[in-house]
Amino acid sequence: MKKYFISAVLLTAGLALALMVLYPLAIWGIAQAAPNNGKGSVISGGDAKTYYLNIGQSFTNPGYFWGRPSAVDYNAAGSGASNKASNNVEYLTEVANRLNMFLEKNPGVKQSEVPVDLITASGSGLDPHISVQAAVVQVTRISKARKISEEQLKQLIKDQTQKPFIGIFGPEKINVVMLNVALDKINMK
């Protein structure tokens, strides 16, 4: 038994050293070679504000495109979903409230035209992407708020649309942060 006990202690100590010290140091070292030293991709907006490119952020002003709701209030330190079932009464009430708020802020849009990604949070709560339809359905509101033609906004959406990976994997999507930064640049011209 003593033979197994010493082996178990040595194995535990070796794994603790490898997984708690060596592995994190290796990942940290690799991150230092990445752009922005592993601190994430950032983009500067027209308002001199810096945004993280791959983290969803809250845009509530009527002059901006809105992204997906977040179950974690866009807190990157606490990524996660609500974990409520799709038939949970509290969850259904929350989604209905989001839908009603969206319809109130976007008069003329029918309930059937609102894409699901505008009223449900992603699994991480931090998804920066929306569908093309989710952007298009917001055009009228933004056009009125910014006094920009709807055609110009639709062209901006087209320019910011990301195609599926290698042309076949996944849907077309739009990064809301990049879209709003490009929108601010139009107003600055």
Foldseek 3Di string as FASTA:
>chain_A
DVVVVVVVVVVVVVCCCCVVPVVVVVVQVVQCPDPPSVPADWDAFPVRDIDHQFWAAADDPLQAQGFAAAPVNSDPVQWFFPPDDPPDPVLVVQLVVQLVVVCVLQPPDDSVQADPRRRGADGRRTGQKDALSSQLSSLVSNCVVLVNDSVVLNVLSVVQWDAADVNPHDHIIGRRVVSRRVVRVVSVD
